Amino acid sequence: MGLIVLLVLLRAGLLLHTAGSVRARSAASTVGRGLLESAVAALLVYGVGYLAFLGVKDFEIEMRLIPLVATAWFATSVVTGTMAERSRLSAQLAVAGAVGVVVPLAYRWLDDLSAVTGVSLGCAIAGAIAAVVLGARQGKYNRDGSANILPGHNLTLQLHGIVLLALTLPVLFAGVGEKPIAGAILASSAAMLVAAGVTTLRFGKVDVLLCSAGGLAGAVAGAVAGGVFGSPLAIIVGAVVGFVAQWLTVQIDLRYRVDDPGGYVAPIVTACVAVALVVVLSPLKGGAAWADAAKFGGLTIACAGLVAIIVAGVVLGMNAIKRLREHEDDEYEGLDLTRHDINAYPDFQQTMIKSYHLRQ
């Protein structure tokens, strides 16, 4: 029952955060497409997982379906979140299909922590590649090299989504236990405070979104650090992760000019690298042997690289057949109206939805 609640809250957190991160004219389509991505990923996880674990003694795919589906949903959203507001539905479903195939294979050949870390890191890298291939949203970057802020239409939805993700992702990575949960709480707290201090010094105010990015990364890394080393080190890990996540978010957006509306890439890359380092250094606590720790690091990196190649390959393939980015006119009007005949806020937006298509 607890795993079912985890699955529901994780999916809700992803939908809330991504929907709040986009502009109002594409909010409803973002949620609708997210549900379709979930359907594709879940069915493929079950089908491929059934075949991948076929022959394993006393194994039933239904008993492991929830963590596998949760990983697939999360990893898919990391990629499609970077593609929001400007990608075609077919491209997003293709990404969901690719992730749905690789997740059960990763869990078949790796331990759970290595699989979820490798898949998440690989999809974050693939998401950054997808954002580069797609190009930025209209009006994001100027010819003189400057950038414009394109804030999501509902910060409240974003923050509620972050809270749900910070509650559920640590369980997905580290499981249920007193030490992982305590580590997640303390590390995310330290991460948010560090991010708040840094943004205050740098910008003269607390940047709530950068703080939430740090808190999300801290919760994931802190859960693993708390389980391995205990709460004191989890706090230190959280503080470091909080600084790196907010710094990397700014660098990706302003220096490297990668438009990531969902804001998943920087915190997930930071968290996954921190998780891998914590496990690799776990023999210092007297846990796993150095050889096992090094093996974990190597397999996680290999998994991340393979997943990134597969998912990015799907994105490049869709781009090659001209099925990746929406037409610029549709993007300008918003995908709610132009692609799905829906409207998230009819009281504040055009209500004659069908009139758009009558003009074509």
Protein backbone atom coordinates (compact mmCIF):
# COMPACT_ATOMS: atom_id res chain seq x y z
CA MET A 1 0.00 0.00 0.00
CA GLY A 2 2.84 2.35 0.85
CA LEU A 3 4.43 1.83 -2.56
CA ILE A 4 1.15 2.64 -4.28
CA VAL A 5 0.96 5.93 -2.37
CA LEU A 6 4.57 6.60 -3.38
CA LEU A 7 3.74 6.04 -7.04
CA VAL A 8 0.69 8.30 -6.97
CA LEU A 9 2.46 11.13 -5.13
CA LEU A 10 5.51 10.92 -7.40
CA ARG A 11 3.38 11.19 -10.54
CA ALA A 12 1.38 14.03 -9.01
CA GLY A 13 4.58 15.87 -8.07
CA LEU A 14 5.97 15.55 -11.57
CA LEU A 15 2.76 16.81 -13.18
CA LEU A 16 2.36 19.71 -10.77
CA HIS A 17 5.95 20.86 -11.10
CA THR A 18 6.14 20.62 -14.88
CA ALA A 19 2.70 22.21 -15.38
CA GLY A 20 3.59 25.12 -13.12
CA SER A 21 6.92 25.59 -14.90
CA VAL A 22 5.39 26.31 -18.32
CA ARG A 23 3.39 29.32 -19.44
CA ALA A 24 -0.39 29.31 -19.14
CA ARG A 25 -0.98 28.77 -22.86
CA SER A 26 0.62 25.30 -22.67
CA ALA A 27 -0.26 24.26 -19.11
CA ALA A 28 -3.18 21.91 -19.78
CA SER A 29 -1.46 20.18 -22.70
CA THR A 30 1.60 19.60 -20.51
CA VAL A 31 -0.47 17.68 -17.98
CA GLY A 32 -2.39 15.77 -20.65
CA ARG A 33 0.77 14.78 -22.46
CA GLY A 34 2.33 13.76 -19.15
CA LEU A 35 -0.50 11.31 -18.56
CA LEU A 36 -0.01 9.82 -22.02
CA GLU A 37 3.73 9.49 -21.39
CA SER A 38 2.90 7.67 -18.16
CA ALA A 39 0.67 5.20 -19.99
CA VAL A 40 3.30 4.39 -22.62
CA ALA A 41 6.10 4.01 -20.07
CA ALA A 42 4.07 1.82 -17.71
CA LEU A 43 2.94 -0.62 -20.39
CA LEU A 44 6.43 -0.98 -21.83
CA VAL A 45 7.98 -1.42 -18.38
CA TYR A 46 5.57 -4.27 -17.75
CA GLY A 47 6.02 -5.90 -21.17
CA VAL A 48 9.81 -5.60 -21.37
CA GLY A 49 10.17 -6.37 -17.67
CA TYR A 50 8.16 -9.56 -18.05
CA LEU A 51 10.49 -10.70 -20.83
CA ALA A 52 13.67 -9.48 -19.11
CA PHE A 53 12.94 -11.36 -15.88
CA LEU A 54 11.54 -14.43 -17.64
CA GLY A 55 13.15 -17.54 -16.18
CA VAL A 56 14.18 -15.91 -12.91
CA LYS A 57 13.07 -18.31 -10.19
CA ASP A 58 10.11 -17.26 -8.04
CA PHE A 59 9.98 -13.84 -9.66
CA GLU A 60 6.79 -12.04 -10.61
CA ILE A 61 7.06 -8.76 -12.48
CA GLU A 62 3.95 -7.47 -10.68
CA MET A 63 5.84 -7.58 -7.37
CA ARG A 64 8.48 -5.18 -8.71
CA LEU A 65 6.33 -3.15 -11.06
CA ILE A 66 5.81 -0.11 -8.82
CA PRO A 67 9.48 0.93 -8.32
CA LEU A 68 10.22 0.22 -11.99
CA VAL A 69 7.28 2.30 -13.18
CA ALA A 70 8.15 5.08 -10.71
CA THR A 71 11.69 5.20 -12.10
CA ALA A 72 10.40 5.26 -15.69
CA TRP A 73 7.91 8.05 -14.97
CA PHE A 74 10.51 10.16 -13.22
CA ALA A 75 13.21 9.61 -15.85
CA THR A 76 10.77 10.37 -18.67
CA SER A 77 9.69 13.64 -17.06
CA VAL A 78 13.32 14.70 -16.65
CA VAL A 79 13.73 14.53 -20.45
CA THR A 80 10.33 15.82 -21.57
CA GLY A 81 10.50 18.63 -19.00
CA THR A 82 13.37 20.13 -20.98
CA MET A 83 11.28 19.81 -24.16
CA ALA A 84 8.18 21.51 -22.76
CA GLU A 85 6.19 24.11 -24.72
CA ARG A 86 7.83 23.39 -28.06
CA SER A 87 8.07 19.66 -28.76
CA ARG A 88 5.64 17.43 -30.60
CA LEU A 89 3.59 14.85 -28.75
CA SER A 90 5.02 12.05 -30.91
CA ALA A 91 8.54 12.97 -29.79
CA GLN A 92 7.56 12.93 -26.13
CA LEU A 93 5.88 9.54 -26.48
CA ALA A 94 8.95 8.20 -28.28
CA VAL A 95 11.10 9.29 -25.34
CA ALA A 96 8.67 7.64 -22.91
CA GLY A 97 8.86 4.45 -24.96
CA ALA A 98 12.65 4.42 -24.94
CA VAL A 99 12.77 4.93 -21.18
CA GLY A 100 10.12 2.26 -20.67
CA VAL A 101 12.38 -0.21 -22.47
CA VAL A 102 15.68 0.61 -20.75
CA VAL A 103 14.39 0.79 -17.15
CA PRO A 104 13.52 -2.91 -16.67
CA LEU A 105 16.75 -3.92 -18.40
CA ALA A 106 18.73 -1.74 -16.00
CA TYR A 107 16.96 -3.28 -13.00
CA ARG A 108 17.54 -6.74 -14.41
CA TRP A 109 21.30 -6.44 -14.55
CA LEU A 110 22.06 -3.90 -11.78
CA ASP A 111 21.10 -3.48 -8.15
CA ASP A 112 18.24 -1.10 -7.45
CA LEU A 113 20.27 1.93 -6.39
CA SER A 114 22.68 1.65 -9.30
CA ALA A 115 19.78 1.26 -11.73
CA VAL A 116 17.73 4.24 -10.56
CA THR A 117 20.83 6.44 -10.27
CA GLY A 118 22.19 5.47 -13.67
CA VAL A 119 18.85 5.83 -15.46
CA SER A 120 18.11 9.20 -13.82
CA LEU A 121 21.56 10.58 -14.58
CA GLY A 122 21.44 9.31 -18.16
CA CYS A 123 18.04 10.87 -18.76
CA ALA A 124 19.19 14.19 -17.29
CA ILE A 125 22.08 14.21 -19.75
CA ALA A 126 19.76 13.20 -22.57
CA GLY A 127 17.38 15.98 -21.53
CA ALA A 128 20.14 18.56 -21.86
CA ILE A 129 20.97 17.18 -25.32
CA ALA A 130 17.29 17.31 -26.28
CA ALA A 131 17.06 20.96 -25.21
CA VAL A 132 20.08 21.81 -27.35
CA VAL A 133 18.73 19.94 -30.39
CA LEU A 134 15.27 21.49 -30.01
CA GLY A 135 16.55 24.98 -29.47
CA ALA A 136 15.27 27.49 -26.96
CA ARG A 137 11.70 28.71 -26.67
CA GLN A 138 10.81 31.80 -28.66
CA GLY A 139 12.07 34.93 -26.93
CA LYS A 140 14.32 33.15 -24.44
CA TYR A 141 17.68 34.36 -25.75
CA ASN A 142 18.56 37.59 -27.53
CA ARG A 143 21.02 38.24 -30.33
CA ASP A 144 23.33 40.20 -28.04
CA GLY A 145 23.83 37.09 -25.89
CA SER A 146 21.53 38.14 -23.07
CA ALA A 147 18.75 35.94 -21.72
CA ASN A 148 15.16 36.66 -20.79
CA ILE A 149 13.37 35.06 -17.87
CA LEU A 150 10.32 33.11 -19.02
CA PRO A 151 8.72 32.31 -15.67
CA GLY A 152 6.26 29.51 -15.29
CA HIS A 153 2.66 30.62 -15.00
CA ASN A 154 2.14 29.23 -11.48
CA LEU A 155 4.97 29.20 -8.95
CA THR A 156 2.64 27.68 -6.36
CA LEU A 157 2.16 24.57 -8.51
CA GLN A 158 5.91 24.33 -9.05
CA LEU A 159 6.69 24.45 -5.35
CA HIS A 160 3.97 21.96 -4.45
CA GLY A 161 5.42 19.63 -7.05
CA ILE A 162 8.91 20.06 -5.61
CA VAL A 163 7.63 19.22 -2.13
CA LEU A 164 6.03 15.99 -3.37
CA LEU A 165 9.19 15.04 -5.28
CA ALA A 166 11.36 15.76 -2.24
CA LEU A 167 9.11 13.43 -0.22
CA THR A 168 8.98 10.55 -2.71
CA LEU A 169 12.32 10.47 -4.56
CA PRO A 170 14.39 9.70 -1.44
CA VAL A 171 12.24 6.60 -0.90
CA LEU A 172 12.77 5.55 -4.51
CA PHE A 173 16.54 5.94 -4.20
CA ALA A 174 17.20 4.82 -0.60
CA GLY A 175 14.09 2.96 0.51
CA VAL A 176 12.09 3.39 3.70
CA GLY A 177 14.13 3.66 6.88
CA GLU A 178 14.77 6.00 9.76
CA LYS A 179 18.30 6.95 8.69
CA PRO A 180 17.52 7.65 5.00
CA ILE A 181 14.43 9.70 5.89
CA ALA A 182 16.31 11.68 8.54
CA GLY A 183 19.16 12.23 6.10
CA ALA A 184 16.77 13.47 3.42
CA ILE A 185 15.10 15.95 5.77
CA LEU A 186 18.34 17.34 7.18
CA ALA A 187 20.19 17.44 3.85
CA SER A 188 17.35 19.17 2.00
CA SER A 189 17.11 21.71 4.82
CA ALA A 190 20.84 22.43 4.65
CA ALA A 191 20.71 22.61 0.85
CA MET A 192 17.88 25.15 0.81
CA LEU A 193 19.52 27.36 3.42
CA VAL A 194 22.84 27.34 1.56
CA ALA A 195 21.09 28.16 -1.72
CA ALA A 196 19.16 30.94 0.01
CA GLY A 197 22.37 32.43 1.41
CA VAL A 198 24.23 32.23 -1.90
CA THR A 199 21.40 33.77 -3.93
CA THR A 200 21.02 36.55 -1.37
CA LEU A 201 24.70 37.40 -1.62
CA ARG A 202 24.69 37.15 -5.39
CA PHE A 203 21.36 38.70 -6.37
CA GLY A 204 20.39 40.67 -3.29
CA LYS A 205 17.33 38.48 -2.67
CA VAL A 206 16.37 34.89 -1.99
CA ASP A 207 15.64 33.06 -5.26
CA VAL A 208 12.89 30.60 -4.35
CA LEU A 209 13.28 28.44 -7.46
CA LEU A 210 17.02 28.03 -6.99
CA CYS A 211 16.40 27.15 -3.35
CA SER A 212 13.87 24.50 -4.38
CA ALA A 213 16.33 23.05 -6.90
CA GLY A 214 18.93 22.76 -4.17
CA GLY A 215 16.40 21.25 -1.78
CA LEU A 216 15.37 18.58 -4.30
CA ALA A 217 18.98 17.58 -4.98
CA GLY A 218 19.73 17.61 -1.25
CA ALA A 219 16.79 15.35 -0.42
CA VAL A 220 17.90 12.66 -2.87
CA ALA A 221 21.61 12.78 -2.02
CA GLY A 222 20.93 13.16 1.70
CA ALA A 223 18.75 10.04 1.85
CA VAL A 224 21.59 7.89 0.55
CA ALA A 225 24.23 9.70 2.62
CA GLY A 226 22.12 9.36 5.75
CA GLY A 227 21.68 5.65 5.20
CA VAL A 228 25.40 5.09 4.63
CA PHE A 229 27.17 7.59 6.89
CA GLY A 230 24.48 8.98 9.21
CA SER A 231 22.85 12.36 9.68
CA PRO A 232 25.91 14.58 10.37
CA LEU A 233 27.51 13.78 7.03
CA ALA A 234 24.13 14.00 5.31
CA ILE A 235 23.93 17.63 6.42
CA ILE A 236 27.36 18.32 4.91
CA VAL A 237 26.42 16.55 1.69
CA GLY A 238 23.20 18.57 1.54
CA ALA A 239 25.04 21.86 1.97
CA VAL A 240 27.50 21.02 -0.83
CA VAL A 241 24.76 19.73 -3.12
CA GLY A 242 22.61 22.81 -2.47
CA PHE A 243 25.43 25.11 -3.53
CA VAL A 244 26.28 23.10 -6.64
CA ALA A 245 22.66 22.66 -7.78
CA GLN A 246 21.80 26.36 -7.70
CA TRP A 247 25.12 27.29 -9.34
CA LEU A 248 24.71 24.69 -12.08
CA THR A 249 21.14 25.82 -12.76
CA VAL A 250 22.34 29.35 -13.47
CA GLN A 251 25.27 28.15 -15.57
CA ILE A 252 23.09 25.92 -17.75
CA ASP A 253 20.58 28.70 -18.37
CA LEU A 254 22.83 31.74 -18.81
CA ARG A 255 26.28 30.53 -19.79
CA TYR A 256 25.53 27.44 -21.86
CA ARG A 257 22.15 28.79 -23.07
CA VAL A 258 20.28 25.52 -22.58
CA ASP A 259 16.57 26.24 -22.13
CA ASP A 260 15.22 23.82 -19.51
CA PRO A 261 11.65 24.86 -18.60
CA GLY A 262 11.19 21.97 -16.17
CA GLY A 263 14.41 22.77 -14.33
CA TYR A 264 15.22 19.10 -13.73
CA VAL A 265 18.65 18.77 -15.33
CA ALA A 266 20.85 20.62 -12.82
CA PRO A 267 19.44 19.20 -9.55
CA ILE A 268 19.19 15.64 -10.88
CA VAL A 269 22.72 15.61 -12.29
CA THR A 270 24.02 17.03 -9.01
CA ALA A 271 22.06 14.56 -6.89
CA CYS A 272 23.02 11.48 -8.94
CA VAL A 273 26.72 12.37 -8.97
CA ALA A 274 26.55 12.92 -5.19
CA VAL A 275 24.82 9.55 -4.69
CA ALA A 276 27.50 7.78 -6.73
CA LEU A 277 30.30 9.47 -4.76
CA VAL A 278 28.68 8.59 -1.42
CA VAL A 279 28.44 4.91 -2.34
CA VAL A 280 31.96 4.82 -3.79
CA LEU A 281 33.28 6.26 -0.52
CA SER A 282 31.11 4.01 1.66
CA PRO A 283 34.03 1.68 2.59
CA LEU A 284 35.36 4.52 4.76
CA LYS A 285 32.43 3.77 7.08
CA GLY A 286 33.20 0.08 7.07
CA GLY A 287 30.41 -0.86 4.70
CA ALA A 288 31.03 -2.41 1.30
CA ALA A 289 34.49 -3.40 0.14
CA TRP A 290 36.40 -0.96 -2.04
CA ALA A 291 36.11 -3.33 -4.99
CA ASP A 292 32.32 -3.47 -4.67
CA ALA A 293 32.09 0.30 -4.26
CA ALA A 294 34.23 0.88 -7.34
CA LYS A 295 32.10 -1.63 -9.25
CA PHE A 296 28.98 0.30 -8.28
CA GLY A 297 30.50 3.52 -9.57
CA GLY A 298 31.60 1.97 -12.84
CA LEU A 299 28.28 0.27 -13.51
CA THR A 300 26.32 3.41 -12.67
CA ILE A 301 28.40 5.52 -15.05
CA ALA A 302 28.11 2.88 -17.77
CA CYS A 303 24.34 2.69 -17.29
CA ALA A 304 24.02 6.48 -17.42
CA GLY A 305 26.08 6.66 -20.60
CA LEU A 306 24.10 3.92 -22.32
CA VAL A 307 20.74 5.41 -21.32
CA ALA A 308 21.85 8.87 -22.48
CA ILE A 309 22.92 7.48 -25.86
CA ILE A 310 19.66 5.58 -26.37
CA VAL A 311 17.30 8.37 -25.33
CA ALA A 312 19.30 11.10 -27.08
CA GLY A 313 19.37 8.88 -30.15
CA VAL A 314 15.58 8.78 -30.15
CA VAL A 315 15.49 12.58 -29.92
CA LEU A 316 17.95 12.95 -32.78
CA GLY A 317 15.98 10.46 -34.84
CA MET A 318 12.76 12.39 -34.35
CA ASN A 319 14.59 15.57 -35.30
CA ALA A 320 15.93 13.94 -38.46
CA ILE A 321 12.40 13.10 -39.66
CA LYS A 322 11.12 16.57 -38.70
CA ARG A 323 8.91 15.29 -35.90
CA LEU A 324 10.64 16.94 -32.94
CA ARG A 325 9.62 20.59 -32.72
CA GLU A 326 6.21 22.14 -33.20
CA HIS A 327 5.61 24.77 -35.86
CA GLU A 328 6.58 28.24 -34.67
CA ASP A 329 3.02 29.57 -35.09
CA ASP A 330 1.63 26.76 -32.91
CA GLU A 331 4.29 27.40 -30.32
CA TYR A 332 3.51 31.11 -30.28
CA GLU A 333 -0.25 30.57 -29.83
CA GLY A 334 0.30 27.86 -27.24
CA LEU A 335 -0.03 24.09 -27.52
CA ASP A 336 -3.26 24.01 -25.50
CA LEU A 337 -5.19 25.79 -28.20
CA THR A 338 -3.38 24.82 -31.37
CA ARG A 339 -2.80 21.11 -30.76
CA HIS A 340 -5.41 19.93 -28.28
CA ASP A 341 -8.40 22.30 -28.40
CA ILE A 342 -8.26 22.85 -24.66
CA ASN A 343 -7.73 25.81 -22.39
CA ALA A 344 -6.30 25.73 -18.88
CA TYR A 345 -7.71 29.13 -17.91
CA PRO A 346 -10.75 29.96 -20.08
CA ASP A 347 -11.68 33.00 -17.96
CA PHE A 348 -8.39 34.68 -18.79
CA GLN A 349 -7.64 33.34 -22.26
CA GLN A 350 -9.40 32.96 -25.58
CA THR A 351 -12.61 30.97 -25.08
CA MET A 352 -13.56 30.34 -28.73
CA ILE A 353 -11.12 27.50 -29.10
CA LYS A 354 -12.44 26.04 -32.34
CA SER A 355 -12.15 29.40 -34.06
CA TYR A 356 -8.40 28.88 -34.28
CA HIS A 357 -8.83 25.83 -36.49
CA LEU A 358 -11.50 27.50 -38.59
CA ARG A 359 -8.90 30.09 -39.55
CA GLN A 360 -6.53 27.50 -40.99
